[in-house]
Amino acid sequence: MKRERANRKRFAFMAYPGKEKGFTFISLLCTLSILALTLPFISLSFRTVKAISYEEEFSVHHFFQFLRNEVIESSQLAIENPQSILLIQDDKRITIKQHGEVIHRQVDGRGHEVYLMGVRSVRFRPLSYGVHAEIIHTNGEKYEKAIVFYPE
């Protein structure tokens, strides 16, 4: 009986014989060398990617919305020359025209509310149902919009 006790082990686990694997210094050197070789290419690829700016396009579309709102609220519409439009709202004369590279709004010949900047040219043409606006931006992009006029 004493012999049986001596052969018994006190712990209940199994040891796996074989190689124990771990992170060695050689694997660390290989990882660092791969990382050092790929980092320049990654940074170069980030430099070649250009962010596209839609700021000019958004500002022109906002101008078209402002112009549309002004035309809708107007009781009369007249195009004085191809670069300016005259609207009459509640006995106020509203003029929207180009001045340099800026399109601005004046009420009764006073004030200077800037609607759009960076404009090479603007052209308003009368239509049977409203007005056609054409804007050429300083970057060369051309934008056009037909705006409906609802007379009272």
N, C-alpha and C. Protein backbone atom coordinates (compact mmCIF):
# COMPACT_ATOMS: atom_id res chain seq x y z
N MET A 1 0.78 -1.19 0.00
CA MET A 1 0.00 0.00 0.00
C MET A 1 0.83 1.26 0.00
N LYS A 2 1.89 1.20 0.71
CA LYS A 2 2.77 2.36 0.72
C LYS A 2 3.37 2.59 -0.65
N ARG A 3 3.55 1.53 -1.35
CA ARG A 3 4.11 1.66 -2.67
C ARG A 3 3.14 2.34 -3.64
N GLU A 4 1.90 2.06 -3.50
CA GLU A 4 0.90 2.70 -4.36
C GLU A 4 0.85 4.20 -4.11
N ARG A 5 1.00 4.59 -2.87
CA ARG A 5 1.00 6.02 -2.54
C ARG A 5 2.22 6.71 -3.12
N ALA A 6 3.30 6.07 -3.15
CA ALA A 6 4.52 6.66 -3.66
C ALA A 6 4.45 6.87 -5.17
N ASN A 7 3.75 6.00 -5.89
CA ASN A 7 3.64 6.13 -7.33
C ASN A 7 2.60 7.18 -7.75
N ARG A 8 1.75 7.53 -6.85
CA ARG A 8 0.72 8.52 -7.17
C ARG A 8 1.31 9.92 -7.22
N LYS A 9 0.83 10.67 -8.16
CA LYS A 9 1.30 12.04 -8.28
C LYS A 9 0.34 12.95 -7.55
N ARG A 10 0.85 14.02 -7.03
CA ARG A 10 0.05 14.93 -6.24
C ARG A 10 -0.70 15.95 -7.10
N PHE A 11 -0.28 16.19 -8.35
CA PHE A 11 -0.90 17.19 -9.20
C PHE A 11 -1.62 16.50 -10.36
N ALA A 12 -2.74 17.11 -10.79
CA ALA A 12 -3.52 16.53 -11.89
C ALA A 12 -3.41 17.44 -13.12
N PHE A 13 -2.34 17.35 -13.87
CA PHE A 13 -2.20 18.06 -15.13
C PHE A 13 -1.34 17.22 -16.04
N MET A 14 -1.44 17.54 -17.32
CA MET A 14 -0.63 16.80 -18.28
C MET A 14 0.38 17.74 -18.89
N ALA A 15 1.57 17.36 -18.92
CA ALA A 15 2.61 18.14 -19.57
C ALA A 15 2.72 17.69 -21.01
N TYR A 16 2.77 18.66 -21.93
CA TYR A 16 2.89 18.33 -23.34
C TYR A 16 4.37 18.33 -23.69
N PRO A 17 4.83 17.24 -24.12
CA PRO A 17 6.24 17.25 -24.52
C PRO A 17 6.37 17.89 -25.89
N GLY A 18 7.41 18.58 -26.14
CA GLY A 18 7.64 19.19 -27.45
C GLY A 18 8.27 20.55 -27.31
N LYS A 19 8.31 21.22 -28.43
CA LYS A 19 8.94 22.53 -28.46
C LYS A 19 7.97 23.59 -27.96
N GLU A 20 8.43 24.46 -27.15
CA GLU A 20 7.62 25.60 -26.73
C GLU A 20 7.97 26.76 -27.64
N LYS A 21 6.92 27.35 -28.24
CA LYS A 21 7.15 28.42 -29.20
C LYS A 21 6.87 29.76 -28.53
N GLY A 22 7.61 30.77 -28.93
CA GLY A 22 7.43 32.10 -28.39
C GLY A 22 7.93 33.15 -29.37
N PHE A 23 7.90 34.38 -28.96
CA PHE A 23 8.34 35.50 -29.79
C PHE A 23 9.83 35.69 -29.53
N THR A 24 10.62 35.40 -30.52
CA THR A 24 12.07 35.44 -30.34
C THR A 24 12.65 36.74 -30.87
N PHE A 25 13.88 36.95 -30.63
CA PHE A 25 14.56 38.15 -31.10
C PHE A 25 14.65 38.17 -32.62
N ILE A 26 14.81 37.01 -33.22
CA ILE A 26 14.88 36.93 -34.68
C ILE A 26 13.54 37.30 -35.30
N SER A 27 12.45 36.83 -34.73
CA SER A 27 11.13 37.20 -35.27
C SER A 27 10.87 38.69 -35.08
N LEU A 28 11.37 39.28 -33.99
CA LEU A 28 11.25 40.72 -33.79
C LEU A 28 12.02 41.49 -34.86
N LEU A 29 13.22 41.06 -35.18
CA LEU A 29 14.01 41.71 -36.22
C LEU A 29 13.35 41.59 -37.59
N CYS A 30 12.78 40.45 -37.89
CA CYS A 30 12.07 40.27 -39.18
C CYS A 30 10.87 41.20 -39.26
N THR A 31 10.10 41.30 -38.19
CA THR A 31 8.92 42.16 -38.16
C THR A 31 9.32 43.63 -38.35
N LEU A 32 10.35 44.06 -37.66
CA LEU A 32 10.81 45.45 -37.78
C LEU A 32 11.34 45.75 -39.18
N SER A 33 12.03 44.80 -39.78
CA SER A 33 12.57 45.05 -41.13
C SER A 33 11.43 45.14 -42.15
N ILE A 34 10.42 44.31 -42.03
CA ILE A 34 9.26 44.39 -42.94
C ILE A 34 8.54 45.71 -42.75
N LEU A 35 8.37 46.12 -41.52
CA LEU A 35 7.71 47.39 -41.23
C LEU A 35 8.52 48.56 -41.78
N ALA A 36 9.84 48.51 -41.61
CA ALA A 36 10.69 49.59 -42.09
C ALA A 36 10.68 49.67 -43.63
N LEU A 37 10.51 48.55 -44.30
CA LEU A 37 10.47 48.56 -45.76
C LEU A 37 9.12 49.05 -46.30
N THR A 38 8.03 48.81 -45.59
CA THR A 38 6.71 49.18 -46.11
C THR A 38 6.28 50.59 -45.72
N LEU A 39 6.78 51.17 -44.66
CA LEU A 39 6.35 52.50 -44.22
C LEU A 39 6.58 53.59 -45.27
N PRO A 40 7.71 53.64 -45.95
CA PRO A 40 7.87 54.70 -46.97
C PRO A 40 6.83 54.60 -48.09
N PHE A 41 6.47 53.40 -48.48
CA PHE A 41 5.47 53.24 -49.53
C PHE A 41 4.09 53.65 -49.06
N ILE A 42 3.79 53.39 -47.82
CA ILE A 42 2.48 53.79 -47.27
C ILE A 42 2.38 55.31 -47.20
N SER A 43 3.42 55.96 -46.69
CA SER A 43 3.38 57.42 -46.61
C SER A 43 3.34 58.05 -48.01
N LEU A 44 4.03 57.46 -48.97
CA LEU A 44 4.00 57.96 -50.34
C LEU A 44 2.60 57.82 -50.94
N SER A 45 1.94 56.73 -50.65
CA SER A 45 0.58 56.55 -51.20
C SER A 45 -0.39 57.55 -50.58
N PHE A 46 -0.21 57.92 -49.32
CA PHE A 46 -1.08 58.94 -48.71
C PHE A 46 -0.83 60.32 -49.31
N ARG A 47 0.38 60.60 -49.73
CA ARG A 47 0.68 61.90 -50.34
C ARG A 47 0.06 62.04 -51.72
N THR A 48 -0.02 60.95 -52.45
CA THR A 48 -0.56 61.02 -53.81
C THR A 48 -2.08 61.15 -53.82
N VAL A 49 -2.73 60.77 -52.75
CA VAL A 49 -4.18 60.90 -52.67
C VAL A 49 -4.52 62.37 -52.42
N LYS A 50 -5.33 62.95 -53.29
CA LYS A 50 -5.70 64.35 -53.15
C LYS A 50 -7.13 64.45 -52.65
N ALA A 51 -7.35 65.36 -51.74
CA ALA A 51 -8.70 65.59 -51.25
C ALA A 51 -9.43 66.47 -52.26
N ILE A 52 -10.60 66.03 -52.65
CA ILE A 52 -11.40 66.79 -53.62
C ILE A 52 -12.26 67.79 -52.86
N SER A 53 -12.17 69.03 -53.26
CA SER A 53 -12.94 70.08 -52.61
C SER A 53 -14.14 70.45 -53.48
N TYR A 54 -15.30 70.42 -52.87
CA TYR A 54 -16.52 70.80 -53.56
C TYR A 54 -17.02 72.16 -53.09
N GLU A 55 -16.14 72.95 -52.50
CA GLU A 55 -16.54 74.23 -51.92
C GLU A 55 -17.12 75.18 -52.97
N GLU A 56 -16.47 75.28 -54.14
CA GLU A 56 -16.97 76.17 -55.18
C GLU A 56 -18.34 75.72 -55.68
N GLU A 57 -18.48 74.42 -55.90
CA GLU A 57 -19.75 73.89 -56.39
C GLU A 57 -20.87 74.14 -55.39
N PHE A 58 -20.60 73.91 -54.11
CA PHE A 58 -21.61 74.16 -53.08
C PHE A 58 -21.99 75.64 -53.02
N SER A 59 -21.00 76.53 -53.12
CA SER A 59 -21.31 77.96 -53.04
C SER A 59 -22.14 78.41 -54.23
N VAL A 60 -21.88 77.87 -55.43
CA VAL A 60 -22.68 78.23 -56.60
C VAL A 60 -24.10 77.71 -56.44
N HIS A 61 -24.25 76.50 -55.95
CA HIS A 61 -25.60 75.95 -55.74
C HIS A 61 -26.36 76.74 -54.67
N HIS A 62 -25.66 77.21 -53.66
CA HIS A 62 -26.31 78.07 -52.66
C HIS A 62 -26.75 79.39 -53.29
N PHE A 63 -25.91 79.93 -54.15
CA PHE A 63 -26.31 81.16 -54.85
C PHE A 63 -27.57 80.93 -55.67
N PHE A 64 -27.63 79.81 -56.38
CA PHE A 64 -28.84 79.50 -57.16
C PHE A 64 -30.07 79.38 -56.26
N GLN A 65 -29.90 78.83 -55.07
CA GLN A 65 -31.03 78.74 -54.13
C GLN A 65 -31.45 80.14 -53.67
N PHE A 66 -30.49 80.99 -53.34
CA PHE A 66 -30.82 82.36 -52.92
C PHE A 66 -31.54 83.10 -54.05
N LEU A 67 -31.03 82.96 -55.26
CA LEU A 67 -31.65 83.62 -56.42
C LEU A 67 -33.07 83.10 -56.65
N ARG A 68 -33.24 81.80 -56.55
CA ARG A 68 -34.57 81.22 -56.72
C ARG A 68 -35.55 81.75 -55.67
N ASN A 69 -35.10 81.82 -54.42
CA ASN A 69 -35.96 82.35 -53.36
C ASN A 69 -36.33 83.81 -53.61
N GLU A 70 -35.36 84.59 -54.08
CA GLU A 70 -35.63 86.00 -54.38
C GLU A 70 -36.65 86.12 -55.53
N VAL A 71 -36.49 85.29 -56.55
CA VAL A 71 -37.40 85.34 -57.70
C VAL A 71 -38.81 84.91 -57.28
N ILE A 72 -38.92 83.90 -56.46
CA ILE A 72 -40.23 83.42 -56.01
C ILE A 72 -40.96 84.49 -55.19
N GLU A 73 -40.22 85.23 -54.37
CA GLU A 73 -40.84 86.25 -53.52
C GLU A 73 -41.13 87.56 -54.27
N SER A 74 -40.68 87.67 -55.51
CA SER A 74 -40.83 88.92 -56.26
C SER A 74 -42.16 88.99 -56.98
N SER A 75 -42.62 90.23 -57.16
CA SER A 75 -43.84 90.45 -57.93
C SER A 75 -43.51 90.83 -59.38
N GLN A 76 -42.31 91.35 -59.62
CA GLN A 76 -41.87 91.69 -60.97
C GLN A 76 -40.43 91.26 -61.15
N LEU A 77 -40.10 90.96 -62.41
CA LEU A 77 -38.76 90.50 -62.76
C LEU A 77 -38.34 91.19 -64.04
N ALA A 78 -37.14 91.77 -64.05
CA ALA A 78 -36.63 92.40 -65.26
C ALA A 78 -35.12 92.18 -65.32
N ILE A 79 -34.63 91.93 -66.53
CA ILE A 79 -33.19 91.79 -66.74
C ILE A 79 -32.72 93.08 -67.37
N GLU A 80 -31.95 93.88 -66.60
CA GLU A 80 -31.48 95.18 -67.08
C GLU A 80 -30.42 95.03 -68.15
N ASN A 81 -29.45 94.18 -67.89
CA ASN A 81 -28.43 93.83 -68.87
C ASN A 81 -28.02 92.40 -68.55
N PRO A 82 -27.21 91.78 -69.39
CA PRO A 82 -26.90 90.36 -69.14
C PRO A 82 -26.20 90.09 -67.81
N GLN A 83 -25.63 91.13 -67.18
CA GLN A 83 -24.92 90.91 -65.92
C GLN A 83 -25.73 91.27 -64.68
N SER A 84 -26.95 91.76 -64.82
CA SER A 84 -27.73 92.12 -63.63
C SER A 84 -29.20 91.81 -63.83
N ILE A 85 -29.85 91.55 -62.71
CA ILE A 85 -31.27 91.23 -62.71
C ILE A 85 -31.96 92.12 -61.69
N LEU A 86 -33.15 92.58 -62.03
CA LEU A 86 -33.90 93.48 -61.15
C LEU A 86 -35.16 92.77 -60.70
N LEU A 87 -35.38 92.77 -59.39
CA LEU A 87 -36.57 92.15 -58.81
C LEU A 87 -37.29 93.19 -57.98
N ILE A 88 -38.60 93.14 -57.98
CA ILE A 88 -39.38 94.07 -57.16
C ILE A 88 -40.17 93.25 -56.15
N GLN A 89 -39.93 93.56 -54.87
CA GLN A 89 -40.61 92.88 -53.77
C GLN A 89 -41.14 93.93 -52.81
N ASP A 90 -42.42 93.99 -52.64
CA ASP A 90 -43.04 94.91 -51.67
C ASP A 90 -42.48 96.32 -51.80
N ASP A 91 -42.49 96.89 -52.99
CA ASP A 91 -42.00 98.25 -53.28
C ASP A 91 -40.52 98.43 -53.02
N LYS A 92 -39.75 97.35 -53.00
CA LYS A 92 -38.30 97.43 -52.88
C LYS A 92 -37.69 96.94 -54.19
N ARG A 93 -36.70 97.68 -54.67
CA ARG A 93 -35.99 97.29 -55.88
C ARG A 93 -34.75 96.52 -55.46
N ILE A 94 -34.72 95.25 -55.80
CA ILE A 94 -33.59 94.39 -55.46
C ILE A 94 -32.81 94.13 -56.75
N THR A 95 -31.53 94.47 -56.71
CA THR A 95 -30.65 94.27 -57.86
C THR A 95 -29.59 93.25 -57.49
N ILE A 96 -29.43 92.25 -58.34
CA ILE A 96 -28.38 91.24 -58.16
C ILE A 96 -27.49 91.35 -59.39
N LYS A 97 -26.22 91.70 -59.16
CA LYS A 97 -25.32 91.90 -60.30
C LYS A 97 -23.89 91.56 -59.91
N GLN A 98 -23.05 91.48 -60.95
CA GLN A 98 -21.64 91.18 -60.75
C GLN A 98 -20.85 92.48 -60.59
N HIS A 99 -19.93 92.45 -59.65
CA HIS A 99 -19.02 93.58 -59.43
C HIS A 99 -17.63 92.98 -59.22
N GLY A 100 -16.81 93.02 -60.24
CA GLY A 100 -15.50 92.37 -60.16
C GLY A 100 -15.68 90.86 -60.19
N GLU A 101 -15.12 90.16 -59.22
CA GLU A 101 -15.28 88.72 -59.12
C GLU A 101 -16.35 88.34 -58.10
N VAL A 102 -17.24 89.26 -57.79
CA VAL A 102 -18.25 89.05 -56.75
C VAL A 102 -19.63 89.31 -57.33
N ILE A 103 -20.58 88.47 -56.98
CA ILE A 103 -21.99 88.75 -57.26
C ILE A 103 -22.60 89.24 -55.96
N HIS A 104 -23.22 90.43 -56.02
CA HIS A 104 -23.77 90.99 -54.79
C HIS A 104 -25.21 91.44 -55.00
N ARG A 105 -25.87 91.70 -53.90
CA ARG A 105 -27.28 92.09 -53.88
C ARG A 105 -27.39 93.47 -53.25
N GLN A 106 -28.18 94.33 -53.89
CA GLN A 106 -28.44 95.65 -53.34
C GLN A 106 -29.96 95.84 -53.26
N VAL A 107 -30.38 96.51 -52.21
CA VAL A 107 -31.80 96.83 -52.03
C VAL A 107 -31.94 98.34 -52.14
N ASP A 108 -32.75 98.80 -53.10
CA ASP A 108 -32.97 100.22 -53.37
C ASP A 108 -31.65 100.97 -53.61
N GLY A 109 -30.69 100.32 -54.26
CA GLY A 109 -29.42 100.95 -54.60
C GLY A 109 -28.48 101.11 -53.43
N ARG A 110 -28.82 100.55 -52.28
CA ARG A 110 -27.95 100.66 -51.10
C ARG A 110 -27.54 99.27 -50.62
N GLY A 111 -26.44 99.24 -49.91
CA GLY A 111 -25.96 97.98 -49.35
C GLY A 111 -25.12 97.20 -50.33
N HIS A 112 -24.52 96.18 -49.82
CA HIS A 112 -23.62 95.37 -50.63
C HIS A 112 -23.56 93.99 -49.97
N GLU A 113 -24.57 93.16 -50.21
CA GLU A 113 -24.61 91.82 -49.64
C GLU A 113 -24.00 90.84 -50.64
N VAL A 114 -22.89 90.24 -50.27
CA VAL A 114 -22.17 89.34 -51.18
C VAL A 114 -22.90 88.00 -51.22
N TYR A 115 -23.24 87.58 -52.44
CA TYR A 115 -23.89 86.29 -52.63
C TYR A 115 -22.91 85.21 -53.08
N LEU A 116 -21.93 85.59 -53.91
CA LEU A 116 -21.01 84.60 -54.46
C LEU A 116 -19.69 85.27 -54.80
N MET A 117 -18.59 84.58 -54.49
CA MET A 117 -17.25 85.10 -54.78
C MET A 117 -16.56 84.19 -55.78
N GLY A 118 -15.55 84.71 -56.43
CA GLY A 118 -14.77 83.91 -57.38
C GLY A 118 -15.48 83.69 -58.70
N VAL A 119 -16.14 84.73 -59.20
CA VAL A 119 -16.93 84.61 -60.44
C VAL A 119 -16.18 85.32 -61.57
N ARG A 120 -15.94 84.60 -62.64
CA ARG A 120 -15.33 85.22 -63.82
C ARG A 120 -16.39 85.99 -64.60
N SER A 121 -17.54 85.36 -64.82
CA SER A 121 -18.62 86.06 -65.51
C SER A 121 -19.97 85.48 -65.11
N VAL A 122 -20.99 86.34 -65.20
CA VAL A 122 -22.37 85.94 -64.94
C VAL A 122 -23.22 86.46 -66.09
N ARG A 123 -24.23 85.69 -66.44
CA ARG A 123 -25.10 86.10 -67.53
C ARG A 123 -26.53 85.66 -67.22
N PHE A 124 -27.46 86.60 -67.30
CA PHE A 124 -28.87 86.31 -67.10
C PHE A 124 -29.57 86.46 -68.44
N ARG A 125 -30.39 85.48 -68.80
CA ARG A 125 -31.18 85.54 -70.03
C ARG A 125 -32.65 85.33 -69.69
N PRO A 126 -33.53 86.11 -70.31
CA PRO A 126 -34.96 85.90 -70.03
C PRO A 126 -35.47 84.64 -70.71
N LEU A 127 -36.35 83.96 -70.02
CA LEU A 127 -37.05 82.81 -70.57
C LEU A 127 -38.54 83.12 -70.55
N SER A 128 -39.32 82.38 -71.28
CA SER A 128 -40.77 82.63 -71.30
C SER A 128 -41.40 82.34 -69.93
N TYR A 129 -40.76 81.52 -69.14
CA TYR A 129 -41.30 81.14 -67.83
C TYR A 129 -40.44 81.63 -66.66
N GLY A 130 -39.37 82.40 -66.93
CA GLY A 130 -38.52 82.87 -65.85
C GLY A 130 -37.21 83.43 -66.35
N VAL A 131 -36.12 82.96 -65.76
CA VAL A 131 -34.80 83.48 -66.08
C VAL A 131 -33.81 82.32 -66.12
N HIS A 132 -32.82 82.45 -66.99
CA HIS A 132 -31.74 81.47 -67.08
C HIS A 132 -30.47 82.15 -66.59
N ALA A 133 -29.83 81.55 -65.59
CA ALA A 133 -28.59 82.10 -65.03
C ALA A 133 -27.43 81.21 -65.43
N GLU A 134 -26.36 81.85 -65.87
CA GLU A 134 -25.14 81.13 -66.26
C GLU A 134 -23.97 81.77 -65.54
N ILE A 135 -23.20 80.96 -64.83
CA ILE A 135 -22.05 81.46 -64.07
C ILE A 135 -20.82 80.70 -64.51
N ILE A 136 -19.75 81.43 -64.78
CA ILE A 136 -18.45 80.81 -65.04
C ILE A 136 -17.55 81.20 -63.88
N HIS A 137 -17.10 80.20 -63.15
CA HIS A 137 -16.26 80.41 -61.97
C HIS A 137 -14.82 80.71 -62.40
N THR A 138 -14.03 81.25 -61.49
CA THR A 138 -12.64 81.58 -61.82
C THR A 138 -11.82 80.34 -62.13
N ASN A 139 -12.25 79.17 -61.66
CA ASN A 139 -11.51 77.95 -61.99
C ASN A 139 -11.92 77.37 -63.34
N GLY A 140 -12.84 78.06 -64.07
CA GLY A 140 -13.24 77.64 -65.40
C GLY A 140 -14.51 76.81 -65.45
N GLU A 141 -15.02 76.39 -64.32
CA GLU A 141 -16.25 75.60 -64.30
C GLU A 141 -17.44 76.46 -64.68
N LYS A 142 -18.36 75.86 -65.46
CA LYS A 142 -19.54 76.58 -65.91
C LYS A 142 -20.77 75.96 -65.25
N TYR A 143 -21.61 76.82 -64.66
CA TYR A 143 -22.82 76.38 -63.97
C TYR A 143 -24.02 77.10 -64.59
N GLU A 144 -25.10 76.37 -64.80
CA GLU A 144 -26.30 76.95 -65.39
C GLU A 144 -27.52 76.51 -64.59
N LYS A 145 -28.52 77.40 -64.56
CA LYS A 145 -29.76 77.09 -63.84
C LYS A 145 -30.89 77.88 -64.45
N ALA A 146 -32.01 77.22 -64.69
CA ALA A 146 -33.23 77.91 -65.12
C ALA A 146 -34.12 78.06 -63.90
N ILE A 147 -34.57 79.29 -63.65
CA ILE A 147 -35.37 79.58 -62.47
C ILE A 147 -36.75 80.05 -62.94
N VAL A 148 -37.78 79.46 -62.38
CA VAL A 148 -39.16 79.75 -62.77
C VAL A 148 -39.64 80.96 -61.99
N PHE A 149 -40.31 81.87 -62.71
CA PHE A 149 -40.89 83.06 -62.10
C PHE A 149 -42.40 82.87 -62.07
N TYR A 150 -42.99 83.03 -60.89
CA TYR A 150 -44.43 82.88 -60.71
C TYR A 150 -45.05 84.27 -60.51
N PRO A 151 -45.51 84.90 -61.57
CA PRO A 151 -46.09 86.24 -61.40
C PRO A 151 -47.42 86.15 -60.64
N GLU A 152 -47.71 87.22 -59.93
CA GLU A 152 -48.93 87.22 -59.12
C GLU A 152 -50.16 87.51 -59.94
